[in-house]
């Protein structure tokens, strides 16, 4: 009669080999993906409470990848002059088609404290000076499907009416 130990070891070795092959196959499907392209396309006021302001931020999300992106939640953070200004979340679900685009709306809140901090920060700005902004967010899609995005640039501090034009 043969001992059950060698048979157990053989089955364990086969199980580990199959698990390794399946794991490598799953990782290869997570190949490189191009980043999403995000554009701010609209801003609509929403009712706020107390001293807070609320807006519906409309974003156009473009997917330059070969696979569609399913999402089940959105988070958004907007910083102006390296200071937080607005943030928001939404539990909406949807899909950005492969090589396609979609527009989503995310409600964001701006607290009175954020407004005062921004006013204090830009009080020393001169007309025509640029204000840096950063937009960060994510489309939640589960363990391996979450896609983060970011955009940054500068906003032009407006010249007062009737001011001479800079060269």
Protein backbone atom coordinates (compact mmCIF):
# COMPACT_ATOMS: atom_id res chain seq x y z
CA UNK A 1 0.00 0.00 0.00
CA UNK A 2 1.36 3.40 -1.05
CA UNK A 3 1.65 6.26 1.45
CA UNK A 4 -0.75 9.22 0.78
CA UNK A 5 2.09 11.74 1.24
CA UNK A 6 3.62 11.55 -2.28
CA UNK A 7 0.15 11.77 -3.86
CA UNK A 8 -0.67 14.83 -1.74
CA UNK A 9 2.60 16.51 -2.72
CA UNK A 10 1.96 15.81 -6.40
CA UNK A 11 -1.55 17.31 -6.21
CA UNK A 12 -0.25 20.33 -4.29
CA UNK A 13 2.51 20.87 -6.87
CA UNK A 14 -0.01 20.71 -9.75
CA UNK A 15 -2.34 23.12 -7.94
CA UNK A 16 0.47 25.64 -7.38
CA UNK A 17 1.60 25.38 -11.02
CA UNK A 18 -1.95 25.98 -12.29
CA UNK A 19 -2.40 28.92 -9.89
CA UNK A 20 0.86 30.47 -11.08
CA UNK A 21 -0.14 30.15 -14.75
CA UNK A 22 -3.59 31.63 -14.13
CA UNK A 23 -2.07 34.49 -12.12
CA UNK A 24 0.41 35.32 -14.89
CA UNK A 25 -2.39 35.24 -17.45
CA UNK A 26 -4.48 37.63 -15.38
CA UNK A 27 -1.57 40.05 -14.97
CA UNK A 28 -0.89 40.08 -18.70
CA UNK A 29 -4.45 41.29 -19.32
CA UNK A 30 -3.66 44.38 -17.23
CA UNK A 31 -1.35 45.75 -19.92
CA UNK A 32 -0.43 49.40 -20.28
CA UNK A 33 -3.34 51.77 -20.72
CA UNK A 34 -3.29 55.33 -21.96
CA UNK A 35 -4.44 57.95 -19.45
CA UNK A 36 -7.95 59.33 -19.64
CA UNK A 37 -8.41 62.83 -21.05
CA UNK A 38 -10.61 65.04 -18.86
CA UNK A 39 -12.10 68.43 -19.79
CA UNK A 40 -14.22 70.73 -17.63
CA UNK A 41 -17.26 71.49 -19.82
CA UNK A 42 -19.74 73.06 -17.42
CA UNK A 43 -20.44 74.43 -13.98
CA UNK A 44 -24.00 74.80 -12.69
CA UNK A 45 -25.00 76.21 -9.29
CA UNK A 46 -26.77 73.88 -6.85
CA UNK A 47 -28.59 74.78 -3.62
CA UNK A 48 -26.16 74.99 -0.69
CA UNK A 49 -26.57 74.95 3.07
CA UNK A 50 -25.43 77.70 5.38
CA UNK A 51 -22.23 79.31 4.13
CA UNK A 52 -21.28 76.54 1.73
CA UNK A 53 -21.54 76.84 -2.03
CA UNK A 54 -22.37 73.85 -4.22
CA UNK A 55 -21.92 73.31 -7.93
CA UNK A 56 -22.48 70.53 -10.42
CA UNK A 57 -19.17 70.11 -12.24
CA UNK A 58 -19.60 68.63 -15.70
CA UNK A 59 -16.62 66.70 -17.03
CA UNK A 60 -16.07 65.24 -20.49
CA UNK A 61 -14.14 62.00 -20.13
CA UNK A 62 -12.41 60.64 -23.22
CA UNK A 63 -11.16 57.06 -23.26
CA UNK A 64 -8.31 56.50 -25.77
CA UNK A 65 -8.05 52.78 -24.91
CA UNK A 66 -9.23 49.61 -26.63
CA UNK A 67 -11.45 48.56 -23.74
CA UNK A 68 -14.53 50.23 -22.28
CA UNK A 69 -14.28 51.57 -18.72
CA UNK A 70 -17.09 50.68 -16.34
CA UNK A 71 -17.34 52.84 -13.23
CA UNK A 72 -19.45 52.73 -10.07
CA UNK A 73 -18.63 56.01 -8.36
CA UNK A 74 -16.72 59.23 -8.98
CA UNK A 75 -14.55 61.37 -6.69
CA UNK A 76 -13.21 64.82 -7.53
CA UNK A 77 -10.84 67.36 -5.88
CA UNK A 78 -10.04 70.86 -7.19
CA UNK A 79 -7.07 72.86 -5.88
CA UNK A 80 -6.40 76.49 -6.78
CA UNK A 81 -3.04 78.08 -5.96
CA UNK A 82 -1.95 74.81 -4.25
CA UNK A 83 -4.85 75.09 -1.79
CA UNK A 84 -7.97 72.87 -1.71
CA UNK A 85 -11.05 74.66 -3.03
CA UNK A 86 -13.76 72.13 -3.87
CA UNK A 87 -14.37 68.41 -3.52
CA UNK A 88 -17.20 66.07 -4.31
CA UNK A 89 -18.30 62.49 -4.76
CA UNK A 90 -21.08 60.76 -6.63
CA UNK A 91 -22.30 57.16 -6.58
CA UNK A 92 -23.37 57.24 -10.23
CA UNK A 93 -22.54 54.31 -12.47
CA UNK A 94 -21.84 54.21 -16.14
CA UNK A 95 -19.44 53.33 -18.90
CA UNK A 96 -16.96 55.25 -21.01
CA UNK A 97 -16.91 53.35 -24.33
CA UNK A 98 -13.69 52.22 -26.00
CA UNK A 99 -12.27 55.09 -28.05
CA UNK A 100 -15.28 57.12 -26.92
CA UNK A 101 -16.37 59.80 -24.53
CA UNK A 102 -19.08 60.63 -22.04
CA UNK A 103 -20.10 63.62 -19.92
CA UNK A 104 -20.62 63.12 -16.20
CA UNK A 105 -21.84 65.55 -13.54
CA UNK A 106 -20.30 65.55 -10.05
CA UNK A 107 -21.71 67.73 -7.23
CA UNK A 108 -18.91 69.57 -5.38
CA UNK A 109 -18.93 71.66 -2.22
CA UNK A 110 -16.93 74.78 -1.45
CA UNK A 111 -16.80 75.64 2.24
CA UNK A 112 -16.75 79.22 3.53
CA UNK A 113 -13.30 78.48 4.99
CA UNK A 114 -11.98 77.48 1.53
CA UNK A 115 -13.35 80.69 0.02
CA UNK A 116 -11.68 82.81 2.72
CA UNK A 117 -8.38 80.94 2.33
CA UNK A 118 -8.47 81.46 -1.46
CA UNK A 119 -9.35 85.17 -1.07
CA UNK A 120 -6.44 85.61 1.32
CA UNK A 121 -4.10 83.73 -1.01
CA UNK A 122 -4.96 85.75 -4.13
CA UNK A 123 -5.08 89.13 -2.39
CA UNK A 124 -1.46 89.72 -3.34
CA UNK A 125 -1.92 88.71 -6.97
CA UNK A 126 -1.45 91.31 -9.68
CA UNK A 127 -3.80 91.58 -12.66
CA UNK A 128 -2.70 89.27 -15.47
CA UNK A 129 -0.86 86.93 -13.09
CA UNK A 130 -1.53 83.21 -13.51
CA UNK A 131 -3.14 81.08 -10.78
CA UNK A 132 -2.14 77.40 -10.83
CA UNK A 133 -4.92 74.83 -10.58
CA UNK A 134 -4.96 71.05 -10.20
CA UNK A 135 -7.92 68.74 -10.76
CA UNK A 136 -7.66 65.18 -9.43
CA UNK A 137 -10.19 62.41 -9.32
CA UNK A 138 -11.03 58.81 -9.90
CA UNK A 139 -13.59 56.62 -11.56
CA UNK A 140 -14.13 53.73 -9.15
CA UNK A 141 -14.25 50.38 -10.88
CA UNK A 142 -13.43 47.75 -8.31
CA UNK A 143 -10.13 46.20 -7.32
CA UNK A 144 -8.33 46.47 -10.68
CA UNK A 145 -10.72 48.74 -12.59
CA UNK A 146 -10.33 52.07 -10.75
CA UNK A 147 -8.95 54.76 -13.06
CA UNK A 148 -7.35 57.87 -11.60
CA UNK A 149 -7.11 61.10 -13.57
CA UNK A 150 -5.58 64.51 -13.14
CA UNK A 151 -5.28 67.78 -14.99
CA UNK A 152 -3.41 70.94 -14.16
CA UNK A 153 -2.68 74.31 -15.64
CA UNK A 154 -3.06 77.98 -14.94
CA UNK A 155 -5.98 80.35 -14.74
CA UNK A 156 -5.41 83.92 -15.84
CA UNK A 157 -6.14 86.47 -13.10
CA UNK A 158 -8.36 88.96 -14.97
CA UNK A 159 -7.20 92.45 -15.86
CA UNK A 160 -9.44 95.24 -14.50
CA UNK A 161 -11.78 96.82 -17.04
CA UNK A 162 -10.10 99.60 -19.02
CA UNK A 163 -6.55 98.48 -18.13
CA UNK A 164 -3.90 98.70 -20.85
CA UNK A 165 -3.18 95.45 -22.67
CA UNK A 166 0.15 93.79 -21.82
CA UNK A 167 2.50 92.99 -24.72
